[in-house]
N, C-alpha and C. Protein backbone atom coordinates (compact mmCIF):
# COMPACT_ATOMS: atom_id res chain seq x y z
N UNK A 1 1.01 -1.20 -0.22
CA UNK A 1 -0.22 0.01 -0.05
C UNK A 1 0.86 1.17 0.40
N UNK A 2 0.86 2.49 -0.81
CA UNK A 2 1.24 3.40 -0.63
C UNK A 2 1.14 4.61 0.18
N UNK A 3 1.92 5.32 0.26
CA UNK A 3 1.72 6.29 1.54
C UNK A 3 1.35 7.55 1.38
N UNK A 4 1.10 8.55 1.72
CA UNK A 4 0.80 9.57 1.51
C UNK A 4 1.71 10.41 1.56
N UNK A 5 2.01 11.14 0.62
CA UNK A 5 3.41 12.06 0.54
C UNK A 5 2.93 13.59 0.70
N UNK A 6 3.64 14.33 1.46
CA UNK A 6 3.46 15.63 1.80
C UNK A 6 4.22 16.31 0.68
N UNK A 7 3.87 16.43 -0.60
CA UNK A 7 4.77 16.86 -1.26
C UNK A 7 4.88 18.02 -2.16
N UNK A 8 4.20 19.13 -1.02
CA UNK A 8 4.33 20.47 -1.79
C UNK A 8 4.46 20.89 -0.25
N UNK A 9 5.17 21.44 0.54
CA UNK A 9 5.10 21.77 2.21
C UNK A 9 4.31 23.21 2.08
N UNK A 10 4.64 23.79 1.55
CA UNK A 10 4.37 24.94 1.35
C UNK A 10 2.52 25.52 1.68
N UNK A 11 2.66 24.89 0.22
CA UNK A 11 0.92 24.88 -0.97
C UNK A 11 0.04 24.32 0.29
N UNK A 12 0.56 23.12 1.13
CA UNK A 12 -0.30 21.95 1.65
C UNK A 12 -0.09 22.69 2.91
N UNK A 13 0.74 22.99 3.54
CA UNK A 13 0.50 23.77 5.24
C UNK A 13 -0.25 25.06 4.77
N UNK A 14 -0.30 25.77 4.02
CA UNK A 14 -1.03 27.25 3.91
C UNK A 14 -2.67 26.35 3.56
N UNK A 15 -2.94 25.73 2.94
CA UNK A 15 -4.35 25.12 3.32
C UNK A 15 -4.64 24.17 4.23
N UNK A 16 -3.83 24.04 4.97
CA UNK A 16 -4.11 23.20 6.53
C UNK A 16 -4.74 24.80 7.60
N UNK A 17 -3.60 25.62 6.84
CA UNK A 17 -4.12 26.82 8.42
C UNK A 17 -5.14 27.53 7.33
N UNK A 18 -5.57 28.01 6.14
CA UNK A 18 -6.45 28.59 6.24
C UNK A 18 -8.02 27.39 6.59
N UNK A 19 -8.22 25.94 6.19
CA UNK A 19 -8.68 25.32 6.60
C UNK A 19 -9.18 25.54 8.11
N UNK A 20 -7.72 25.42 8.98
CA UNK A 20 -7.54 25.81 10.62
C UNK A 20 -8.52 27.59 10.86
N UNK A 21 -8.51 27.82 9.83
CA UNK A 21 -8.80 29.52 10.55
C UNK A 21 -10.20 29.64 9.77
N UNK A 22 -10.37 29.20 9.12
CA UNK A 22 -12.09 28.90 8.74
C UNK A 22 -12.83 27.76 9.94
N UNK A 23 -12.56 26.77 10.17
CA UNK A 23 -12.92 26.14 11.56
C UNK A 23 -12.79 27.27 12.48
N UNK A 24 -12.26 27.58 12.93
CA UNK A 24 -12.22 28.70 13.95
C UNK A 24 -13.19 29.68 14.00
N UNK A 25 -13.34 30.22 12.90
CA UNK A 25 -14.58 31.25 12.28
C UNK A 25 -15.16 30.81 12.52
N UNK A 26 -15.68 29.58 12.65
CA UNK A 26 -17.12 29.05 12.18
C UNK A 26 -17.54 28.75 13.93
N UNK A 27 -16.64 28.07 14.59
CA UNK A 27 -16.52 27.76 16.26
C UNK A 27 -16.23 28.88 17.29
N UNK A 28 -16.30 30.26 16.47
CA UNK A 28 -16.34 31.40 17.29
C UNK A 28 -17.34 32.51 16.85
N UNK A 29 -17.89 32.11 15.60
CA UNK A 29 -18.69 33.03 15.05
C UNK A 29 -18.64 33.91 14.59
N UNK A 30 -17.32 33.58 13.60
CA UNK A 30 -16.50 35.04 12.88
C UNK A 30 -15.58 35.75 13.46
N UNK A 31 -15.69 35.84 15.10
CA UNK A 31 -14.87 36.50 15.86
C UNK A 31 -13.33 36.78 15.29
N UNK A 32 -12.99 35.38 14.88
CA UNK A 32 -11.11 35.10 14.86
C UNK A 32 -11.32 35.26 13.27
N UNK A 33 -12.32 35.16 12.36
CA UNK A 33 -12.03 35.96 11.27
C UNK A 33 -11.96 37.12 11.28
N UNK A 34 -12.79 37.77 12.01
CA UNK A 34 -12.83 39.46 12.23
C UNK A 34 -11.28 39.60 12.40
N UNK A 35 -10.80 39.65 13.61
CA UNK A 35 -10.17 39.95 14.63
C UNK A 35 -8.61 39.71 14.19
N UNK A 36 -8.81 37.90 13.62
CA UNK A 36 -7.33 37.56 13.23
C UNK A 36 -6.76 37.55 12.07
N UNK A 37 -7.89 37.24 10.81
CA UNK A 37 -7.70 36.69 9.79
C UNK A 37 -8.35 37.95 8.65
N UNK A 38 -8.27 38.56 9.03
CA UNK A 38 -8.83 39.57 8.04
C UNK A 38 -7.67 41.43 8.53
N UNK A 39 -7.57 42.48 7.33
CA UNK A 39 -6.73 43.16 7.87
C UNK A 39 -7.51 44.93 7.17
N UNK A 40 -7.71 45.21 8.24
CA UNK A 40 -7.66 46.63 7.95
C UNK A 40 -6.98 47.92 8.55
N UNK A 41 -7.06 48.85 8.53
CA UNK A 41 -7.02 49.78 9.36
C UNK A 41 -6.82 50.24 10.44
N UNK A 42 -5.83 49.82 11.19
CA UNK A 42 -5.90 50.17 12.73
C UNK A 42 -4.64 50.42 13.21
N UNK A 43 -4.51 50.54 14.80
CA UNK A 43 -3.43 51.14 15.31
C UNK A 43 -2.17 50.00 15.03
N UNK A 44 -0.72 50.31 14.84
CA UNK A 44 0.31 49.24 14.56
C UNK A 44 0.06 48.49 16.23
N UNK A 45 0.24 47.44 16.07
CA UNK A 45 0.60 46.54 16.90
C UNK A 45 0.45 45.14 16.46
N UNK A 46 0.87 44.52 17.52
CA UNK A 46 0.97 43.06 17.32
C UNK A 46 0.18 42.53 16.49
N UNK A 47 -0.84 42.48 17.19
CA UNK A 47 -2.13 41.77 16.37
C UNK A 47 -1.73 42.69 15.08
N UNK A 48 -2.38 43.54 14.65
CA UNK A 48 -2.36 44.41 13.13
C UNK A 48 -1.29 43.98 12.55
N UNK A 49 0.11 43.20 12.89
CA UNK A 49 1.25 42.81 12.30
C UNK A 49 0.66 41.19 11.95
N UNK A 50 -0.09 40.51 12.99
CA UNK A 50 0.14 39.16 12.63
C UNK A 50 -1.42 39.53 11.37
N UNK A 51 -2.36 40.30 11.61
CA UNK A 51 -3.43 40.37 10.54
C UNK A 51 -3.17 40.83 9.13
N UNK A 52 -1.90 41.81 9.29
CA UNK A 52 -1.32 41.66 7.59
C UNK A 52 -1.13 40.62 6.88
N UNK A 53 -0.33 39.83 7.60
CA UNK A 53 0.14 38.92 7.17
C UNK A 53 -0.86 37.46 7.26
N UNK A 54 -1.66 37.46 7.87
CA UNK A 54 -3.14 36.37 8.28
C UNK A 54 -3.86 36.70 7.12
N UNK A 55 -4.35 37.44 7.17
CA UNK A 55 -5.49 37.87 6.46
C UNK A 55 -5.38 36.91 5.45
N UNK A 56 -4.72 36.49 4.51
CA UNK A 56 -4.94 35.89 3.06
C UNK A 56 -4.99 33.89 3.84
N UNK A 57 -4.96 33.99 5.35
CA UNK A 57 -5.81 32.83 5.64
C UNK A 57 -7.21 32.51 5.51
N UNK A 58 -7.60 33.65 5.75
CA UNK A 58 -9.24 34.25 6.52
C UNK A 58 -9.85 33.74 5.05
N UNK A 59 -11.23 33.25 5.12
CA UNK A 59 -12.08 33.00 4.28
C UNK A 59 -13.25 33.24 4.86
N UNK A 60 -14.22 34.09 4.25
CA UNK A 60 -15.52 34.69 4.65
C UNK A 60 -16.55 33.23 4.93
N UNK A 61 -16.51 32.40 4.05
CA UNK A 61 -17.54 31.22 3.73
C UNK A 61 -16.96 29.98 3.61
N UNK A 62 -17.05 28.51 3.28
CA UNK A 62 -16.75 27.19 3.01
C UNK A 62 -16.56 28.16 1.32
N UNK A 63 -17.45 28.25 0.50
CA UNK A 63 -17.47 28.52 -0.85
C UNK A 63 -16.39 29.52 -1.29
N UNK A 64 -16.08 30.44 -0.40
CA UNK A 64 -15.07 31.40 -0.87
C UNK A 64 -14.04 30.18 -0.42
N UNK A 65 -13.81 29.79 0.77
CA UNK A 65 -12.42 28.99 0.35
C UNK A 65 -11.97 28.05 -0.14
N UNK A 66 -13.17 27.05 -0.71
CA UNK A 66 -13.20 25.93 -1.76
C UNK A 66 -12.57 26.74 -3.53
N UNK A 67 -13.28 28.29 -3.43
CA UNK A 67 -12.79 28.68 -4.52
C UNK A 67 -11.18 28.97 -4.66
N UNK A 68 -10.70 29.48 -3.77
CA UNK A 68 -9.36 29.51 -3.69
C UNK A 68 -8.63 28.31 -3.63
N UNK A 69 -9.02 27.90 -2.53
CA UNK A 69 -8.29 26.34 -2.62
C UNK A 69 -8.04 25.34 -3.46
N UNK A 70 -9.20 24.76 -4.04
CA UNK A 70 -9.12 24.68 -5.33
C UNK A 70 -8.07 24.80 -6.55
N UNK A 71 -7.74 26.47 -7.08
CA UNK A 71 -6.88 26.53 -7.48
C UNK A 71 -5.72 26.89 -7.45
N UNK A 72 -5.86 27.49 -5.73
CA UNK A 72 -4.19 27.32 -5.01
C UNK A 72 -3.39 25.23 -5.51
N UNK A 73 -4.56 24.30 -4.78
CA UNK A 73 -3.68 23.09 -4.80
C UNK A 73 -3.80 22.93 -5.81
N UNK A 74 -4.03 23.21 -7.16
CA UNK A 74 -3.91 22.80 -8.44
C UNK A 74 -2.33 23.74 -9.42
N UNK A 75 -2.80 24.50 -8.65
CA UNK A 75 -1.55 25.45 -9.14
C UNK A 75 0.03 25.72 -8.83
N UNK A 76 -0.14 25.69 -7.01
CA UNK A 76 0.72 25.80 -6.32
C UNK A 76 1.68 24.67 -6.08
N UNK A 77 1.26 22.89 -6.48
CA UNK A 77 2.65 22.06 -5.82
C UNK A 77 3.84 22.43 -6.83
N UNK A 78 2.99 22.54 -8.08
CA UNK A 78 4.31 22.96 -9.33
C UNK A 78 5.29 23.70 -9.40
N UNK A 79 4.64 25.41 -9.02
CA UNK A 79 5.13 26.55 -8.67
C UNK A 79 6.15 26.15 -7.82
N UNK A 80 5.67 25.29 -6.35
CA UNK A 80 6.21 24.74 -5.54
C UNK A 80 7.39 24.24 -6.16
N UNK A 81 7.49 23.16 -6.85
CA UNK A 81 8.43 22.56 -7.26
C UNK A 81 9.60 23.13 -8.21
N UNK A 82 9.27 23.83 -8.84
CA UNK A 82 9.79 24.89 -9.98
C UNK A 82 10.82 26.08 -9.20
N UNK A 83 9.88 26.39 -8.14
CA UNK A 83 10.65 27.83 -7.81
C UNK A 83 11.09 27.25 -6.46
N UNK A 84 10.78 26.20 -5.84
CA UNK A 84 11.84 25.63 -4.25
C UNK A 84 10.77 26.42 -3.49
N UNK A 85 10.50 25.70 -2.09
CA UNK A 85 9.60 26.06 -0.96
C UNK A 85 9.83 27.28 -0.49
N UNK A 86 11.57 27.79 -0.02
CA UNK A 86 11.75 29.22 0.54
C UNK A 86 11.56 29.88 -0.65
N UNK A 87 11.96 30.20 -1.62
CA UNK A 87 11.76 31.44 -2.35
C UNK A 87 9.80 31.97 -2.91
N UNK A 88 9.18 30.17 -2.45
CA UNK A 88 7.62 30.64 -3.07
C UNK A 88 6.79 30.90 -1.70
N UNK A 89 7.50 30.49 -0.10
CA UNK A 89 7.01 31.24 0.87
C UNK A 89 7.14 32.69 1.02
N UNK A 90 8.37 33.20 0.59
CA UNK A 90 8.72 34.52 0.58
C UNK A 90 8.00 35.07 -0.68
N UNK A 91 7.34 34.73 -1.67
CA UNK A 91 6.91 35.29 -2.36
C UNK A 91 5.40 35.39 -1.71
N UNK A 92 5.02 34.51 -1.23
CA UNK A 92 3.17 34.57 -0.95
C UNK A 92 3.44 35.44 0.27
N UNK A 93 4.88 35.80 1.57
CA UNK A 93 4.60 36.66 1.83
C UNK A 93 4.36 37.93 1.80
N UNK A 94 5.05 37.99 1.01
CA UNK A 94 5.57 39.16 0.33
C UNK A 94 4.07 39.70 -0.49
N UNK A 95 3.53 39.17 -0.82
CA UNK A 95 2.48 39.32 -1.90
C UNK A 95 0.88 40.15 -0.56
N UNK A 96 1.81 38.68 0.62
CA UNK A 96 0.31 39.24 1.51
C UNK A 96 0.39 40.17 2.24
N UNK A 97 1.92 41.10 2.44
CA UNK A 97 2.20 42.37 3.17
C UNK A 97 1.84 43.48 2.10
N UNK A 98 2.30 43.30 1.26
CA UNK A 98 1.87 44.66 0.00
C UNK A 98 0.17 44.73 0.03
N UNK A 99 -0.32 43.31 -0.11
CA UNK A 99 -1.78 43.12 -0.47
C UNK A 99 -2.64 43.97 0.77
N UNK A 100 -1.94 43.70 1.78
CA UNK A 100 -2.48 44.29 3.32
C UNK A 100 -2.18 45.92 3.49
N UNK A 101 -1.27 46.13 3.11
CA UNK A 101 -0.53 47.03 3.62
C UNK A 101 -1.11 47.97 2.55
N UNK A 102 -1.81 47.81 1.18
CA UNK A 102 -2.34 48.73 0.22
C UNK A 102 -3.57 48.49 0.93
N UNK A 103 -3.96 47.65 1.36
CA UNK A 103 -5.32 47.76 1.45
C UNK A 103 -6.00 48.52 2.77
N UNK A 104 -4.73 48.61 3.67
CA UNK A 104 -5.08 49.98 4.52
C UNK A 104 -5.14 51.55 4.00
N UNK A 105 -3.82 51.27 3.58
CA UNK A 105 -3.56 52.88 3.08
C UNK A 105 -4.68 53.89 1.63
N UNK A 106 -5.63 51.92 0.99
CA UNK A 106 -6.46 52.55 -0.09
C UNK A 106 -8.06 52.56 0.40
N UNK A 107 -8.15 51.32 1.16
CA UNK A 107 -9.32 51.12 1.33
C UNK A 107 -9.59 51.31 2.82
N UNK A 108 -9.34 52.06 3.82
CA UNK A 108 -9.45 52.45 4.94
C UNK A 108 -10.57 52.14 5.96
N UNK A 109 -11.93 51.68 5.11
CA UNK A 109 -13.18 51.76 5.25
C UNK A 109 -13.57 50.55 5.22
N UNK A 110 -12.69 49.01 4.40
CA UNK A 110 -13.08 48.49 4.33
C UNK A 110 -12.23 46.85 5.42
N UNK A 111 -12.51 45.53 5.20
CA UNK A 111 -11.49 45.20 5.68
C UNK A 111 -11.14 43.85 4.33
N UNK A 112 -10.09 43.26 4.63
CA UNK A 112 -9.35 42.47 3.63
C UNK A 112 -9.47 41.01 3.99
N UNK A 113 -9.65 39.83 3.50
CA UNK A 113 -9.23 38.79 3.59
C UNK A 113 -9.33 37.43 2.43
N UNK A 114 -8.79 36.91 2.35
CA UNK A 114 -9.00 35.42 1.58
C UNK A 114 -7.55 35.24 1.06
N UNK A 115 -7.41 33.80 -0.08
CA UNK A 115 -6.58 33.59 -0.71
C UNK A 115 -6.28 33.97 -1.58
N UNK A 116 -7.02 35.25 -2.54
CA UNK A 116 -7.23 35.23 -3.61
C UNK A 116 -6.20 36.06 -4.55
N UNK A 117 -5.11 36.80 -3.80
CA UNK A 117 -4.13 37.60 -4.20
C UNK A 117 -3.20 36.37 -4.30
N UNK A 118 -2.76 35.60 -3.54
CA UNK A 118 -2.11 34.66 -3.38
C UNK A 118 -2.83 33.43 -4.83
N UNK A 119 -3.52 33.12 -5.02
CA UNK A 119 -3.29 32.26 -6.35
C UNK A 119 -3.53 33.07 -7.37
N UNK A 120 -3.52 34.53 -7.52
CA UNK A 120 -3.06 35.33 -8.97
C UNK A 120 -1.52 35.32 -8.70
N UNK A 121 -1.23 35.19 -8.13
CA UNK A 121 0.63 34.77 -7.49
C UNK A 121 0.95 33.90 -8.46
N UNK A 122 0.22 33.01 -8.38
CA UNK A 122 0.38 31.51 -8.73
C UNK A 122 -0.24 31.68 -9.79
N UNK A 123 -0.89 31.60 -10.10
CA UNK A 123 -1.95 32.00 -11.77
C UNK A 123 -0.22 32.85 -12.69
N UNK A 124 0.11 33.71 -12.55
CA UNK A 124 0.53 34.40 -13.37
C UNK A 124 2.14 34.19 -13.12
N UNK A 125 3.02 33.34 -12.33
CA UNK A 125 3.55 32.60 -12.18
C UNK A 125 4.15 31.54 -12.93
N UNK A 126 2.43 30.98 -13.22
CA UNK A 126 2.32 29.43 -14.19
C UNK A 126 2.85 29.79 -15.50
N UNK A 127 2.06 31.47 -15.58
CA UNK A 127 2.43 31.65 -16.99
C UNK A 127 3.27 31.88 -17.32
N UNK A 128 4.34 32.06 -16.45
CA UNK A 128 5.54 32.42 -17.10
C UNK A 128 6.71 30.88 -17.31
N UNK A 129 5.94 29.74 -17.23
CA UNK A 129 6.94 28.21 -17.44
C UNK A 129 7.30 28.54 -18.42
N UNK A 130 8.40 28.45 -18.05
CA UNK A 130 9.50 27.90 -19.91
C UNK A 130 9.73 28.93 -20.13
N UNK A 131 9.73 30.27 -19.46
CA UNK A 131 9.87 31.73 -20.32
C UNK A 131 11.80 31.39 -20.51
N UNK A 132 12.06 31.72 -21.31
CA UNK A 132 13.32 32.12 -21.80
C UNK A 132 14.13 33.28 -21.60
N UNK A 133 15.22 33.47 -21.61
CA UNK A 133 16.18 35.21 -21.22
C UNK A 133 15.91 35.63 -22.06
N UNK A 134 15.14 37.03 -22.52
CA UNK A 134 14.87 37.93 -23.11
C UNK A 134 13.68 37.86 -24.01
N UNK A 135 12.51 37.03 -23.54
CA UNK A 135 11.82 36.85 -24.09
C UNK A 135 10.37 36.85 -22.90
N UNK A 136 9.58 37.20 -23.47
CA UNK A 136 8.60 36.84 -22.63
C UNK A 136 7.00 35.98 -23.41
N UNK A 137 7.18 35.33 -22.59
CA UNK A 137 6.38 34.01 -23.09
C UNK A 137 4.49 34.74 -23.13
N UNK A 138 3.42 33.89 -24.48
CA UNK A 138 2.86 34.08 -24.81
C UNK A 138 1.99 34.26 -23.83
N UNK A 139 2.03 32.65 -23.21
CA UNK A 139 1.44 32.53 -22.14
C UNK A 139 0.63 33.66 -21.31
N UNK A 140 2.15 34.16 -20.56
CA UNK A 140 1.77 35.78 -19.83
C UNK A 140 1.14 36.14 -20.04
N UNK A 141 1.09 36.46 -21.97
CA UNK A 141 0.20 38.03 -22.26
C UNK A 141 -1.08 37.79 -22.31
N UNK A 142 -1.54 36.18 -22.56
CA UNK A 142 -2.95 35.97 -22.84
C UNK A 142 -3.76 35.75 -21.21
N UNK A 143 -3.34 35.27 -20.44
CA UNK A 143 -3.21 35.69 -19.30
C UNK A 143 -3.76 36.62 -18.37
N UNK A 144 -2.45 37.53 -18.98
CA UNK A 144 -2.72 38.89 -18.29
C UNK A 144 -4.11 39.58 -19.40
N UNK A 145 -4.00 39.45 -20.54
CA UNK A 145 -5.04 39.92 -21.46
C UNK A 145 -6.76 39.32 -21.21
N UNK A 146 -6.46 38.28 -20.47
CA UNK A 146 -7.83 37.66 -20.03
C UNK A 146 -7.95 37.92 -18.85
N UNK A 147 -7.49 37.08 -17.76
CA UNK A 147 -7.40 36.96 -16.33
C UNK A 147 -7.05 38.81 -15.74
N UNK A 148 -6.33 39.30 -15.79
CA UNK A 148 -5.98 40.69 -15.93
C UNK A 148 -7.70 41.68 -16.25
N UNK A 149 -7.42 41.53 -17.41
CA UNK A 149 -8.40 42.27 -18.20
C UNK A 149 -9.94 42.52 -17.12
N UNK A 150 -10.00 40.85 -16.99
CA UNK A 150 -11.05 40.73 -16.25
C UNK A 150 -11.71 41.38 -15.40
N UNK A 151 -10.49 41.49 -14.40
CA UNK A 151 -10.13 41.74 -12.62
C UNK A 151 -9.94 43.29 -12.85
N UNK A 152 -9.42 43.99 -14.07
CA UNK A 152 -9.70 45.63 -13.88
C UNK A 152 -10.92 45.50 -14.54
N UNK A 153 -11.59 45.11 -15.47
CA UNK A 153 -13.01 45.66 -15.89
C UNK A 153 -13.90 45.54 -14.99
N UNK A 154 -13.24 44.52 -13.48
CA UNK A 154 -14.67 44.10 -13.02
C UNK A 154 -14.48 45.32 -10.89
N UNK A 155 -13.12 45.75 -11.26
CA UNK A 155 -12.56 46.90 -10.16
C UNK A 155 -13.59 47.79 -10.70
N UNK A 156 -13.25 48.26 -11.83
CA UNK A 156 -14.02 49.96 -12.40
C UNK A 156 -15.66 49.66 -12.34
N UNK A 157 -15.97 48.43 -12.79
CA UNK A 157 -17.44 48.84 -12.68
C UNK A 157 -18.64 47.83 -12.09
N UNK A 158 -17.96 46.95 -11.23
CA UNK A 158 -18.87 46.45 -11.01
C UNK A 158 -18.67 46.91 -9.04
N UNK A 159 -19.93 46.04 -8.34
CA UNK A 159 -20.03 46.64 -7.42
C UNK A 159 -20.28 45.23 -6.62
N UNK A 160 -18.83 44.33 -6.50
CA UNK A 160 -19.66 43.00 -5.62
C UNK A 160 -19.03 42.49 -4.39
N UNK A 161 -18.68 43.53 -3.73
CA UNK A 161 -17.57 42.85 -2.48
C UNK A 161 -16.78 41.89 -2.57
N UNK A 162 -16.11 42.04 -3.82
CA UNK A 162 -14.98 41.17 -4.24
C UNK A 162 -13.57 42.58 -4.12
N UNK A 163 -12.69 41.47 -3.66
CA UNK A 163 -11.16 42.66 -3.89
C UNK A 163 -10.42 42.74 -5.58
N UNK A 164 -10.95 43.24 -6.22
CA UNK A 164 -11.02 42.81 -7.56
C UNK A 164 -9.09 43.95 -7.49
N UNK A 165 -9.12 44.50 -7.10
CA UNK A 165 -7.99 45.45 -6.34
C UNK A 165 -6.68 44.17 -5.68
N UNK A 166 -6.77 43.87 -5.11
CA UNK A 166 -5.55 42.58 -4.55
C UNK A 166 -5.54 41.58 -5.29
N UNK A 167 -6.55 41.46 -6.55
CA UNK A 167 -6.22 40.39 -7.12
C UNK A 167 -5.65 40.82 -8.60
N UNK A 168 -5.03 41.87 -8.49
CA UNK A 168 -3.94 42.34 -9.48
C UNK A 168 -3.31 42.30 -8.61
N UNK A 169 -2.93 43.34 -7.81
CA UNK A 169 -1.53 43.17 -6.98
C UNK A 169 -0.87 41.29 -6.46
N UNK A 170 -2.26 40.99 -6.57
CA UNK A 170 -1.07 38.88 -6.58
C UNK A 170 -1.01 39.04 -7.77
N UNK A 171 -1.47 39.29 -8.91
CA UNK A 171 -1.05 38.65 -10.24
C UNK A 171 0.29 39.93 -10.38
N UNK A 172 0.48 41.01 -10.23
CA UNK A 172 1.76 42.01 -10.33
C UNK A 172 2.71 41.54 -9.63
N UNK A 173 2.32 40.92 -8.39
CA UNK A 173 3.60 40.43 -7.49
C UNK A 173 3.51 38.80 -7.91
N UNK A 174 2.87 38.14 -8.79
CA UNK A 174 3.77 36.62 -9.47
C UNK A 174 4.38 36.90 -10.74
N UNK A 175 4.12 38.14 -11.34
CA UNK A 175 4.63 38.62 -12.79
C UNK A 175 6.25 38.81 -12.14
N UNK A 176 6.22 39.87 -11.25
CA UNK A 176 7.79 40.26 -10.92
C UNK A 176 8.72 39.33 -10.30
N UNK A 177 7.65 38.25 -9.16
CA UNK A 177 8.31 37.25 -8.92
C UNK A 177 9.04 36.30 -9.81
N UNK A 178 8.11 35.82 -10.97
CA UNK A 178 8.67 34.97 -12.03
C UNK A 178 9.87 35.53 -12.70
N UNK A 179 9.63 36.94 -13.13
CA UNK A 179 10.97 37.51 -13.71
C UNK A 179 12.05 37.15 -12.59
N UNK A 180 12.06 37.85 -11.49
CA UNK A 180 12.91 37.82 -10.77
C UNK A 180 13.83 36.21 -10.75
N UNK A 181 13.22 35.67 -10.64
CA UNK A 181 13.31 34.09 -10.38
C UNK A 181 13.89 33.47 -11.90
N UNK A 182 13.51 34.05 -12.83
CA UNK A 182 14.11 33.55 -14.33
C UNK A 182 15.46 33.89 -14.17
N UNK A 183 15.58 35.76 -14.02
CA UNK A 183 16.60 36.27 -14.17
C UNK A 183 17.51 35.89 -12.94
N UNK A 184 17.58 35.11 -11.51
CA UNK A 184 18.22 34.64 -11.08
C UNK A 184 18.49 33.40 -11.45
N UNK A 185 18.01 32.43 -12.12
CA UNK A 185 18.39 31.39 -12.46
C UNK A 185 19.18 31.29 -13.68
N UNK A 186 19.05 31.90 -14.81
CA UNK A 186 19.57 32.39 -15.45
C UNK A 186 21.25 32.92 -15.50
N UNK A 187 21.50 34.05 -14.06
CA UNK A 187 22.72 33.68 -14.02
C UNK A 187 23.39 32.87 -13.30
N UNK A 188 22.33 31.94 -12.35
CA UNK A 188 23.30 31.19 -11.52
C UNK A 188 22.85 30.02 -12.19
N UNK A 189 22.23 29.83 -13.60
CA UNK A 189 22.68 28.16 -14.36
C UNK A 189 21.75 27.08 -13.90
N UNK A 190 20.77 27.14 -12.85
CA UNK A 190 20.54 26.43 -11.30
C UNK A 190 19.00 26.27 -10.97
N UNK A 191 18.56 25.33 -11.06
CA UNK A 191 17.37 25.44 -10.36
C UNK A 191 16.74 25.36 -8.97
N UNK A 192 16.15 26.72 -8.46
CA UNK A 192 15.89 26.63 -7.41
C UNK A 192 15.97 25.14 -6.41
N UNK A 193 16.53 25.59 -5.29
CA UNK A 193 16.21 24.57 -4.41
C UNK A 193 15.31 24.28 -3.42
N UNK A 194 14.53 23.33 -2.87
CA UNK A 194 13.33 23.31 -2.21
C UNK A 194 13.72 24.34 -0.63
C-alpha cells in the first residue's frame, strides 16, 4: 500500500492553516475571522502585524475557501517544485504584506481577507513557466489580457464585494516574482532548491 506524501510543504501547510482559520471562524461565530484573519486599518500593534500577513488565510465562507483552495492546490505544487519552497513562501508572504498594506492605505473603511491574491500570484507565476532569457512568454500575455483584464473591468465597473484590486496586486507580485526568479536562475544556471 502506498503512503501519502506531503509533496508540497508550503502549499499544503497554507491549505491546512486556511482550513483551521475557517474552522475557528465557524467555532467563534466569525470573531477570529474578523480579528485575526482580516486586515483593515488599525493602530500598529502585534495583532495588526499578525492580520497584515494572516488575512490571506481567512475566508468568509466555505464557498470562498473552496474557490481559492482548488486553484491553490492545482497551481501551487508545480510552482513550489519549480521555484523551491523557501522562495515561494517568500513570494506568498510578500504578496500578503503588499496587499494588506495597500488595503489599509487605499481602502481604510473595509477589511480584506482570503487567498485570492496568493492564487493570482501562482496563476501569473505559472504563466511564466518555460520562460527563456530575453523573451516574454505568450502565455503571460494571454493570461494578462484575459484574467487581469477581467479583474480590471470588474474593479472599475462592478460593486460585488470582491477585492479585484488585490487580485491585480497578487498578479503583479507573481509576474515580478517570476521575472526575478528567472533572472536569478539565468545568472546561476541552476534550478532553485526547496
